PDB file of N, CA and C in Angstrom:
ATOM      1  N   UNK A   1     113.477  96.689 111.756  1.00  0.00           N
ATOM      2  CA  UNK A   1     114.813  97.028 112.214  1.00  0.00           C
ATOM      3  C   UNK A   1     114.850  97.103 113.740  1.00  0.00           C
ATOM      4  N   UNK A   2     113.784  97.551 114.362  1.00  0.00           N
ATOM      5  CA  UNK A   2     113.766  97.724 115.810  1.00  0.00           C
ATOM      6  C   UNK A   2     112.987  96.623 116.513  1.00  0.00           C
ATOM      7  N   UNK A   3     112.733  95.527 115.806  1.00  0.00           N
ATOM      8  CA  UNK A   3     111.937  94.448 116.381  1.00  0.00           C
ATOM      9  C   UNK A   3     112.534  93.887 117.658  1.00  0.00           C
ATOM     10  N   UNK A   4     113.851  93.933 117.806  1.00  0.00           N
ATOM     11  CA  UNK A   4     114.498  93.383 118.994  1.00  0.00           C
ATOM     12  C   UNK A   4     114.114  94.156 120.256  1.00  0.00           C
ATOM     13  N   UNK A   5     113.578  95.368 120.093  1.00  0.00           N
ATOM     14  CA  UNK A   5     113.153  96.166 121.240  1.00  0.00           C
ATOM     15  C   UNK A   5     111.749  95.817 121.738  1.00  0.00           C
ATOM     16  N   UNK A   6     110.997  95.057 120.950  1.00  0.00           N
ATOM     17  CA  UNK A   6     109.612  94.759 121.314  1.00  0.00           C
ATOM     18  C   UNK A   6     109.451  94.189 122.713  1.00  0.00           C
ATOM     19  N   UNK A   7     110.304  93.256 123.173  1.00  0.00           N
ATOM     20  CA  UNK A   7     110.118  92.756 124.531  1.00  0.00           C
ATOM     21  C   UNK A   7     110.277  93.833 125.605  1.00  0.00           C
ATOM     22  N   UNK A   8     111.058  94.864 125.317  1.00  0.00           N
ATOM     23  CA  UNK A   8     111.276  95.937 126.282  1.00  0.00           C
ATOM     24  C   UNK A   8     110.099  96.893 126.352  1.00  0.00           C
ATOM     25  N   UNK A   9     109.430  97.066 125.241  1.00  0.00           N
ATOM     26  CA  UNK A   9     108.319  98.005 125.157  1.00  0.00           C
ATOM     27  C   UNK A   9     107.114  97.265 124.601  1.00  0.00           C
ATOM     28  N   UNK A  10     106.250  96.844 125.463  1.00  0.00           N
ATOM     29  CA  UNK A  10     105.083  96.089 125.002  1.00  0.00           C
ATOM     30  C   UNK A  10     103.964  97.049 124.628  1.00  0.00           C
ATOM     31  N   UNK A  11     104.307  97.998 123.795  1.00  0.00           N
ATOM     32  CA  UNK A  11     103.335  98.994 123.365  1.00  0.00           C
ATOM     33  C   UNK A  11     102.663  98.510 122.097  1.00  0.00           C
ATOM     34  N   UNK A  12     101.405  98.722 122.028  1.00  0.00           N
ATOM     35  CA  UNK A  12     100.694  98.483 120.781  1.00  0.00           C
ATOM     36  C   UNK A  12      99.753  99.660 120.580  1.00  0.00           C
ATOM     37  N   UNK A  13      99.719 100.123 119.367  1.00  0.00           N
ATOM     38  CA  UNK A  13      98.877 101.277 119.065  1.00  0.00           C
ATOM     39  C   UNK A  13      97.436 100.812 118.950  1.00  0.00           C
ATOM     40  N   UNK A  14      96.613 101.294 119.840  1.00  0.00           N
ATOM     41  CA  UNK A  14      95.210 100.914 119.786  1.00  0.00           C
ATOM     42  C   UNK A  14      94.506 101.762 118.744  1.00  0.00           C
ATOM     43  N   UNK A  15      93.724 101.103 117.938  1.00  0.00           N
ATOM     44  CA  UNK A  15      92.957 101.815 116.931  1.00  0.00           C
ATOM     45  C   UNK A  15      93.736 102.220 115.702  1.00  0.00           C
ATOM     46  N   UNK A  16      94.948 101.709 115.518  1.00  0.00           N
ATOM     47  CA  UNK A  16      95.707 102.054 114.323  1.00  0.00           C
ATOM     48  C   UNK A  16      95.272 101.125 113.199  1.00  0.00           C
ATOM     49  N   UNK A  17      94.605 101.696 112.220  1.00  0.00           N
ATOM     50  CA  UNK A  17      94.134 100.930 111.076  1.00  0.00           C
ATOM     51  C   UNK A  17      94.885 101.293 109.807  1.00  0.00           C
ATOM     52  N   UNK A  18      95.703 102.310 109.861  1.00  0.00           N
ATOM     53  CA  UNK A  18      96.350 102.870 108.672  1.00  0.00           C
ATOM     54  C   UNK A  18      97.454 101.978 108.140  1.00  0.00           C
ATOM     55  N   UNK A  19      97.614 102.056 106.832  1.00  0.00           N
ATOM     56  CA  UNK A  19      98.753 101.430 106.158  1.00  0.00           C
ATOM     57  C   UNK A  19      99.848 102.497 106.090  1.00  0.00           C
ATOM     58  N   UNK A  20     100.973 102.234 106.740  1.00  0.00           N
ATOM     59  CA  UNK A  20     102.064 103.207 106.806  1.00  0.00           C
ATOM     60  C   UNK A  20     103.261 102.655 106.046  1.00  0.00           C
ATOM     61  N   UNK A  21     103.799 103.473 105.149  1.00  0.00           N
ATOM     62  CA  UNK A  21     104.975 103.098 104.359  1.00  0.00           C
ATOM     63  C   UNK A  21     106.007 104.200 104.499  1.00  0.00           C
ATOM     64  N   UNK A  22     107.277 103.797 104.551  1.00  0.00           N
ATOM     65  CA  UNK A  22     108.358 104.777 104.679  1.00  0.00           C
ATOM     66  C   UNK A  22     109.540 104.346 103.813  1.00  0.00           C
ATOM     67  N   UNK A  23     110.014 105.282 102.995  1.00  0.00           N
ATOM     68  CA  UNK A  23     111.203 105.062 102.166  1.00  0.00           C
ATOM     69  C   UNK A  23     112.397 105.598 102.935  1.00  0.00           C
ATOM     70  N   UNK A  24     113.450 104.792 103.071  1.00  0.00           N
ATOM     71  CA  UNK A  24     114.582 105.173 103.909  1.00  0.00           C
ATOM     72  C   UNK A  24     115.928 104.838 103.277  1.00  0.00           C
ATOM     73  N   UNK A  25     116.950 105.449 103.864  1.00  0.00           N
ATOM     74  CA  UNK A  25     118.336 105.021 103.705  1.00  0.00           C
ATOM     75  C   UNK A  25     118.763 104.545 105.086  1.00  0.00           C
ATOM     76  N   UNK A  26     119.542 103.517 105.133  1.00  0.00           N
ATOM     77  CA  UNK A  26     119.887 102.861 106.388  1.00  0.00           C
ATOM     78  C   UNK A  26     120.546 103.782 107.403  1.00  0.00           C
ATOM     79  N   UNK A  27     121.443 104.662 106.968  1.00  0.00           N
ATOM     80  CA  UNK A  27     122.194 105.496 107.909  1.00  0.00           C
ATOM     81  C   UNK A  27     121.668 106.924 108.029  1.00  0.00           C
ATOM     82  N   UNK A  28     120.536 107.208 107.434  1.00  0.00           N
ATOM     83  CA  UNK A  28     119.962 108.556 107.462  1.00  0.00           C
ATOM     84  C   UNK A  28     119.397 108.851 108.850  1.00  0.00           C
ATOM     85  N   UNK A  29     119.900 109.884 109.544  1.00  0.00           N
ATOM     86  CA  UNK A  29     119.400 110.182 110.889  1.00  0.00           C
ATOM     87  C   UNK A  29     117.930 110.589 110.906  1.00  0.00           C
ATOM     88  N   UNK A  30     117.455 111.246 109.850  1.00  0.00           N
ATOM     89  CA  UNK A  30     116.046 111.625 109.791  1.00  0.00           C
ATOM     90  C   UNK A  30     115.161 110.392 109.600  1.00  0.00           C
ATOM     91  N   UNK A  31     115.640 109.436 108.824  1.00  0.00           N
ATOM     92  CA  UNK A  31     114.912 108.180 108.640  1.00  0.00           C
ATOM     93  C   UNK A  31     114.810 107.432 109.964  1.00  0.00           C
ATOM     94  N   UNK A  32     115.906 107.389 110.682  1.00  0.00           N
ATOM     95  CA  UNK A  32     115.933 106.701 111.977  1.00  0.00           C
ATOM     96  C   UNK A  32     114.982 107.379 112.959  1.00  0.00           C
ATOM     97  N   UNK A  33     114.989 108.704 112.988  1.00  0.00           N
ATOM     98  CA  UNK A  33     114.098 109.438 113.901  1.00  0.00           C
ATOM     99  C   UNK A  33     112.629 109.186 113.560  1.00  0.00           C
ATOM    100  N   UNK A  34     112.290 109.190 112.275  1.00  0.00           N
ATOM    101  CA  UNK A  34     110.905 108.950 111.864  1.00  0.00           C
ATOM    102  C   UNK A  34     110.473 107.536 112.239  1.00  0.00           C
ATOM    103  N   UNK A  35     111.342 106.566 112.007  1.00  0.00           N
ATOM    104  CA  UNK A  35     111.018 105.180 112.358  1.00  0.00           C
ATOM    105  C   UNK A  35     110.878 105.014 113.866  1.00  0.00           C
ATOM    106  N   UNK A  36     111.699 105.707 114.625  1.00  0.00           N
ATOM    107  CA  UNK A  36     111.601 105.621 116.088  1.00  0.00           C
ATOM    108  C   UNK A  36     110.280 106.208 116.579  1.00  0.00           C
ATOM    109  N   UNK A  37     109.847 107.322 116.010  1.00  0.00           N
ATOM    110  CA  UNK A  37     108.565 107.890 116.400  1.00  0.00           C
ATOM    111  C   UNK A  37     107.443 106.888 116.134  1.00  0.00           C
ATOM    112  N   UNK A  38     107.437 106.313 114.940  1.00  0.00           N
ATOM    113  CA  UNK A  38     106.410 105.328 114.601  1.00  0.00           C
ATOM    114  C   UNK A  38     106.495 104.116 115.512  1.00  0.00           C
ATOM    115  N   UNK A  39     107.712 103.655 115.762  1.00  0.00           N
ATOM    116  CA  UNK A  39     107.906 102.489 116.618  1.00  0.00           C
ATOM    117  C   UNK A  39     107.368 102.744 118.029  1.00  0.00           C
ATOM    118  N   UNK A  40     107.729 103.872 118.622  1.00  0.00           N
ATOM    119  CA  UNK A  40     107.306 104.165 119.992  1.00  0.00           C
ATOM    120  C   UNK A  40     105.812 104.465 120.095  1.00  0.00           C
ATOM    121  N   UNK A  41     105.175 104.778 118.961  1.00  0.00           N
ATOM    122  CA  UNK A  41     103.726 104.920 118.951  1.00  0.00           C
ATOM    123  C   UNK A  41     103.058 103.559 118.721  1.00  0.00           C
ATOM    124  N   UNK A  42     103.864 102.520 118.502  1.00  0.00           N
ATOM    125  CA  UNK A  42     103.333 101.180 118.298  1.00  0.00           C
ATOM    126  C   UNK A  42     102.796 100.934 116.900  1.00  0.00           C
ATOM    127  N   UNK A  43     103.247 101.728 115.940  1.00  0.00           N
ATOM    128  CA  UNK A  43     102.755 101.622 114.566  1.00  0.00           C
ATOM    129  C   UNK A  43     103.603 100.617 113.791  1.00  0.00           C
ATOM    130  N   UNK A  44     102.924  99.681 113.157  1.00  0.00           N
ATOM    131  CA  UNK A  44     103.614  98.763 112.252  1.00  0.00           C
ATOM    132  C   UNK A  44     103.673  99.444 110.895  1.00  0.00           C
ATOM    133  N   UNK A  45     104.847  99.411 110.265  1.00  0.00           N
ATOM    134  CA  UNK A  45     105.000 100.086 108.983  1.00  0.00           C
ATOM    135  C   UNK A  45     105.822  99.231 108.039  1.00  0.00           C
ATOM    136  N   UNK A  46     105.663  99.517 106.758  1.00  0.00           N
ATOM    137  CA  UNK A  46     106.449  98.867 105.719  1.00  0.00           C
ATOM    138  C   UNK A  46     107.591  99.804 105.371  1.00  0.00           C
ATOM    139  N   UNK A  47     108.808  99.291 105.450  1.00  0.00           N
ATOM    140  CA  UNK A  47     109.987 100.099 105.155  1.00  0.00           C
ATOM    141  C   UNK A  47     110.573  99.669 103.820  1.00  0.00           C
ATOM    142  N   UNK A  48     110.821 100.653 102.964  1.00  0.00           N
ATOM    143  CA  UNK A  48     111.501 100.414 101.698  1.00  0.00           C
ATOM    144  C   UNK A  48     112.898 101.009 101.815  1.00  0.00           C
ATOM    145  N   UNK A  49     113.890 100.165 101.946  1.00  0.00           N
ATOM    146  CA  UNK A  49     115.282 100.622 102.050  1.00  0.00           C
ATOM    147  C   UNK A  49     115.803 100.822 100.635  1.00  0.00           C
ATOM    148  N   UNK A  50     116.056 102.070 100.282  1.00  0.00           N
ATOM    149  CA  UNK A  50     116.407 102.383  98.896  1.00  0.00           C
ATOM    150  C   UNK A  50     117.864 102.814  98.734  1.00  0.00           C
ATOM    151  N   UNK A  51     118.706 102.473  99.684  1.00  0.00           N
ATOM    152  CA  UNK A  51     120.123 102.843  99.623  1.00  0.00           C
ATOM    153  C   UNK A  51     120.716 102.514  98.254  1.00  0.00           C
ATOM    154  N   UNK A  52     121.088 103.540  97.499  1.00  0.00           N
ATOM    155  CA  UNK A  52     121.771 103.352  96.229  1.00  0.00           C
ATOM    156  C   UNK A  52     120.935 102.758  95.113  1.00  0.00           C
ATOM    157  N   UNK A  53     119.644 102.548  95.321  1.00  0.00           N
ATOM    158  CA  UNK A  53     118.769 101.952  94.308  1.00  0.00           C
ATOM    159  C   UNK A  53     118.029 103.069  93.578  1.00  0.00           C
ATOM    160  N   UNK A  54     118.573 103.469  92.435  1.00  0.00           N
ATOM    161  CA  UNK A  54     118.029 104.616  91.712  1.00  0.00           C
ATOM    162  C   UNK A  54     116.614 104.362  91.199  1.00  0.00           C
ATOM    163  N   UNK A  55     116.306 103.139  90.800  1.00  0.00           N
ATOM    164  CA  UNK A  55     114.947 102.866  90.315  1.00  0.00           C
ATOM    165  C   UNK A  55     113.935 102.970  91.465  1.00  0.00           C
ATOM    166  N   UNK A  56     114.308 102.514  92.656  1.00  0.00           N
ATOM    167  CA  UNK A  56     113.422 102.644  93.818  1.00  0.00           C
ATOM    168  C   UNK A  56     113.261 104.111  94.199  1.00  0.00           C
ATOM    169  N   UNK A  57     114.336 104.877  94.082  1.00  0.00           N
ATOM    170  CA  UNK A  57     114.262 106.306  94.402  1.00  0.00           C
ATOM    171  C   UNK A  57     113.363 107.038  93.409  1.00  0.00           C
ATOM    172  N   UNK A  58     113.434 106.630  92.153  1.00  0.00           N
ATOM    173  CA  UNK A  58     112.568 107.217  91.132  1.00  0.00           C
ATOM    174  C   UNK A  58     111.107 106.901  91.428  1.00  0.00           C
ATOM    175  N   UNK A  59     110.811 105.666  91.826  1.00  0.00           N
ATOM    176  CA  UNK A  59     109.436 105.285  92.187  1.00  0.00           C
ATOM    177  C   UNK A  59     108.952 106.122  93.374  1.00  0.00           C
ATOM    178  N   UNK A  60     109.836 106.296  94.376  1.00  0.00           N
ATOM    179  CA  UNK A  60     109.493 107.113  95.536  1.00  0.00           C
ATOM    180  C   UNK A  60     109.183 108.543  95.092  1.00  0.00           C
ATOM    181  N   UNK A  61     110.002 109.088  94.207  1.00  0.00           N
ATOM    182  CA  UNK A  61     109.807 110.458  93.732  1.00  0.00           C
ATOM    183  C   UNK A  61     108.492 110.600  92.973  1.00  0.00           C
ATOM    184  N   UNK A  62     108.125 109.580  92.206  1.00  0.00           N
ATOM    185  CA  UNK A  62     106.849 109.614  91.491  1.00  0.00           C
ATOM    186  C   UNK A  62     105.683 109.649  92.476  1.00  0.00           C
ATOM    187  N   UNK A  63     105.783 108.896  93.540  1.00  0.00           N
ATOM    188  CA  UNK A  63     104.702 108.845  94.538  1.00  0.00           C
ATOM    189  C   UNK A  63     104.631 110.120  95.371  1.00  0.00           C
ATOM    190  N   UNK A  64     105.767 110.807  95.525  1.00  0.00           N
ATOM    191  CA  UNK A  64     105.842 111.958  96.432  1.00  0.00           C
ATOM    192  C   UNK A  64     105.918 113.298  95.693  1.00  0.00           C
ATOM    193  N   UNK A  65     105.374 113.352  94.508  1.00  0.00           N
ATOM    194  CA  UNK A  65     105.349 114.601  93.722  1.00  0.00           C
ATOM    195  C   UNK A  65     106.735 115.166  93.483  1.00  0.00           C
ATOM    196  N   UNK A  66     107.695 114.284  93.198  1.00  0.00           N
ATOM    197  CA  UNK A  66     109.035 114.717  92.830  1.00  0.00           C
ATOM    198  C   UNK A  66     110.037 114.809  93.958  1.00  0.00           C
ATOM    199  N   UNK A  67     109.628 114.566  95.186  1.00  0.00           N
ATOM    200  CA  UNK A  67     110.565 114.637  96.316  1.00  0.00           C
ATOM    201  C   UNK A  67     111.537 113.460  96.249  1.00  0.00           C
ATOM    202  N   UNK A  68     112.830 113.758  96.351  1.00  0.00           N
ATOM    203  CA  UNK A  68     113.854 112.722  96.250  1.00  0.00           C
ATOM    204  C   UNK A  68     114.641 112.537  97.545  1.00  0.00           C
ATOM    205  N   UNK A  69     114.349 113.350  98.552  1.00  0.00           N
ATOM    206  CA  UNK A  69     115.039 113.203  99.833  1.00  0.00           C
ATOM    207  C   UNK A  69     114.352 112.116 100.658  1.00  0.00           C
ATOM    208  N   UNK A  70     115.093 111.569 101.592  1.00  0.00           N
ATOM    209  CA  UNK A  70     114.528 110.547 102.479  1.00  0.00           C
ATOM    210  C   UNK A  70     114.526 111.077 103.898  1.00  0.00           C
ATOM    211  N   UNK A  71     113.587 110.636 104.711  1.00  0.00           N
ATOM    212  CA  UNK A  71     112.542 109.681 104.386  1.00  0.00           C
ATOM    213  C   UNK A  71     111.378 110.349 103.674  1.00  0.00           C
ATOM    214  N   UNK A  72     110.597 109.533 102.989  1.00  0.00           N
ATOM    215  CA  UNK A  72     109.304 109.954 102.463  1.00  0.00           C
ATOM    216  C   UNK A  72     108.293 108.985 103.057  1.00  0.00           C
ATOM    217  N   UNK A  73     107.243 109.532 103.638  1.00  0.00           N
ATOM    218  CA  UNK A  73     106.298 108.747 104.433  1.00  0.00           C
ATOM    219  C   UNK A  73     104.905 108.853 103.825  1.00  0.00           C
ATOM    220  N   UNK A  74     104.229 107.701 103.782  1.00  0.00           N
ATOM    221  CA  UNK A  74     102.883 107.613 103.241  1.00  0.00           C
ATOM    222  C   UNK A  74     101.981 106.943 104.266  1.00  0.00           C
ATOM    223  N   UNK A  75     100.810 107.512 104.457  1.00  0.00           N
ATOM    224  CA  UNK A  75      99.806 106.917 105.325  1.00  0.00           C
ATOM    225  C   UNK A  75      98.559 106.722 104.482  1.00  0.00           C
ATOM    226  N   UNK A  76      98.139 105.461 104.379  1.00  0.00           N
ATOM    227  CA  UNK A  76      97.003 105.096 103.518  1.00  0.00           C
ATOM    228  C   UNK A  76      97.201 105.617 102.097  1.00  0.00           C
ATOM    229  N   UNK A  77      98.398 105.434 101.587  1.00  0.00           N
ATOM    230  CA  UNK A  77      98.797 105.821 100.230  1.00  0.00           C
ATOM    231  C   UNK A  77      98.832 107.325  99.998  1.00  0.00           C
ATOM    232  N   UNK A  78      98.584 108.125 101.012  1.00  0.00           N
ATOM    233  CA  UNK A  78      98.682 109.584 100.891  1.00  0.00           C
ATOM    234  C   UNK A  78     100.050 110.026 101.389  1.00  0.00           C
ATOM    235  N   UNK A  79     100.704 110.860 100.623  1.00  0.00           N
ATOM    236  CA  UNK A  79     102.029 111.355 100.991  1.00  0.00           C
ATOM    237  C   UNK A  79     101.895 112.373 102.115  1.00  0.00           C
ATOM    238  N   UNK A  80     102.590 112.115 103.240  1.00  0.00           N
ATOM    239  CA  UNK A  80     102.546 113.070 104.352  1.00  0.00           C
ATOM    240  C   UNK A  80     103.834 113.866 104.466  1.00  0.00           C
ATOM    241  N   UNK A  81     104.870 113.479 103.729  1.00  0.00           N
ATOM    242  CA  UNK A  81     106.119 114.227 103.744  1.00  0.00           C
ATOM    243  C   UNK A  81     107.258 113.452 104.355  1.00  0.00           C
ATOM    244  N   UNK A  82     108.190 114.204 104.932  1.00  0.00           N
ATOM    245  CA  UNK A  82     109.383 113.613 105.520  1.00  0.00           C
ATOM    246  C   UNK A  82     109.334 113.608 107.032  1.00  0.00           C
ATOM    247  N   UNK A  83     110.488 113.506 107.638  1.00  0.00           N
ATOM    248  CA  UNK A  83     110.608 113.406 109.089  1.00  0.00           C
ATOM    249  C   UNK A  83     110.034 114.644 109.786  1.00  0.00           C
ATOM    250  N   UNK A  84     110.412 115.818 109.340  1.00  0.00           N
ATOM    251  CA  UNK A  84     109.936 117.055 109.959  1.00  0.00           C
ATOM    252  C   UNK A  84     108.417 117.155 109.864  1.00  0.00           C
ATOM    253  N   UNK A  85     107.876 116.754 108.729  1.00  0.00           N
ATOM    254  CA  UNK A  85     106.423 116.779 108.550  1.00  0.00           C
ATOM    255  C   UNK A  85     105.742 115.797 109.503  1.00  0.00           C
ATOM    256  N   UNK A  86     106.333 114.606 109.656  1.00  0.00           N
ATOM    257  CA  UNK A  86     105.767 113.597 110.554  1.00  0.00           C
ATOM    258  C   UNK A  86     105.752 114.097 111.997  1.00  0.00           C
ATOM    259  N   UNK A  87     106.862 114.688 112.444  1.00  0.00           N
ATOM    260  CA  UNK A  87     106.915 115.221 113.799  1.00  0.00           C
ATOM    261  C   UNK A  87     105.969 116.415 113.966  1.00  0.00           C
ATOM    262  N   UNK A  88     105.791 117.199 112.910  1.00  0.00           N
ATOM    263  CA  UNK A  88     104.832 118.294 112.952  1.00  0.00           C
ATOM    264  C   UNK A  88     103.413 117.792 113.134  1.00  0.00           C
ATOM    265  N   UNK A  89     103.067 116.730 112.411  1.00  0.00           N
ATOM    266  CA  UNK A  89     101.740 116.129 112.581  1.00  0.00           C
ATOM    267  C   UNK A  89     101.556 115.623 114.005  1.00  0.00           C
ATOM    268  N   UNK A  90     102.603 115.030 114.560  1.00  0.00           N
ATOM    269  CA  UNK A  90     102.536 114.527 115.938  1.00  0.00           C
ATOM    270  C   UNK A  90     102.321 115.676 116.916  1.00  0.00           C
ATOM    271  N   UNK A  91     103.063 116.765 116.757  1.00  0.00           N
ATOM    272  CA  UNK A  91     102.944 117.900 117.672  1.00  0.00           C
ATOM    273  C   UNK A  91     101.577 118.559 117.599  1.00  0.00           C
ATOM    274  N   UNK A  92     100.956 118.530 116.429  1.00  0.00           N
ATOM    275  CA  UNK A  92      99.636 119.142 116.251  1.00  0.00           C
ATOM    276  C   UNK A  92      98.502 118.193 116.620  1.00  0.00           C
ATOM    277  N   UNK A  93      98.850 116.947 116.971  1.00  0.00           N
ATOM    278  CA  UNK A  93      97.830 115.967 117.320  1.00  0.00           C
ATOM    279  C   UNK A  93      97.136 115.347 116.124  1.00  0.00           C
ATOM    280  N   UNK A  94      97.637 115.612 114.932  1.00  0.00           N
ATOM    281  CA  UNK A  94      96.999 115.126 113.706  1.00  0.00           C
ATOM    282  C   UNK A  94      97.468 113.734 113.302  1.00  0.00           C
ATOM    283  N   UNK A  95      98.637 113.309 113.787  1.00  0.00           N
ATOM    284  CA  UNK A  95      99.145 111.991 113.399  1.00  0.00           C
ATOM    285  C   UNK A  95      98.222 110.889 113.904  1.00  0.00           C
ATOM    286  N   UNK A  96      97.770 110.993 115.134  1.00  0.00           N
ATOM    287  CA  UNK A  96      96.870 109.979 115.696  1.00  0.00           C
ATOM    288  C   UNK A  96      95.596 109.864 114.866  1.00  0.00           C
ATOM    289  N   UNK A  97      95.086 110.993 114.395  1.00  0.00           N
ATOM    290  CA  UNK A  97      93.877 110.997 113.581  1.00  0.00           C
ATOM    291  C   UNK A  97      94.127 110.264 112.270  1.00  0.00           C
ATOM    292  N   UNK A  98      95.250 110.554 111.625  1.00  0.00           N
ATOM    293  CA  UNK A  98      95.579 109.880 110.362  1.00  0.00           C
ATOM    294  C   UNK A  98      95.755 108.376 110.555  1.00  0.00           C
ATOM    295  N   UNK A  99      96.346 107.994 111.669  1.00  0.00           N
ATOM    296  CA  UNK A  99      96.623 106.583 111.902  1.00  0.00           C
ATOM    297  C   UNK A  99      95.354 105.782 112.204  1.00  0.00           C
ATOM    298  N   UNK A 100      94.303 106.450 112.621  1.00  0.00           N
ATOM    299  CA  UNK A 100      93.041 105.751 112.938  1.00  0.00           C
ATOM    300  C   UNK A 100      92.125 105.617 111.732  1.00  0.00           C
ATOM    301  N   UNK A 101      92.454 106.276 110.629  1.00  0.00           N
ATOM    302  CA  UNK A 101      91.596 106.227 109.442  1.00  0.00           C
ATOM    303  C   UNK A 101      91.720 104.881 108.753  1.00  0.00           C
TER     304      UNK A 101
END
């Protein structure tokens, strides 16, 4: 979604080996904030846009121990939570560690 910004910010995350997945709704402000954090850290991620797709939301809930709110974020197939959780990991310095695994 933010690929058009790449020429403006030639950032690449060094040492990022993690597989990052995020379930989103297109207009969700928390989804946008989480994607922006990942983008500005230079992390490539797989986005699952589940707007109105109940079967996709059910799959997300199964992966996230029943959580149905968006975003839901996974790093190396481990559920890390939503936007607030992602920013919390960043503030504690733990996000960089997870992304290098």
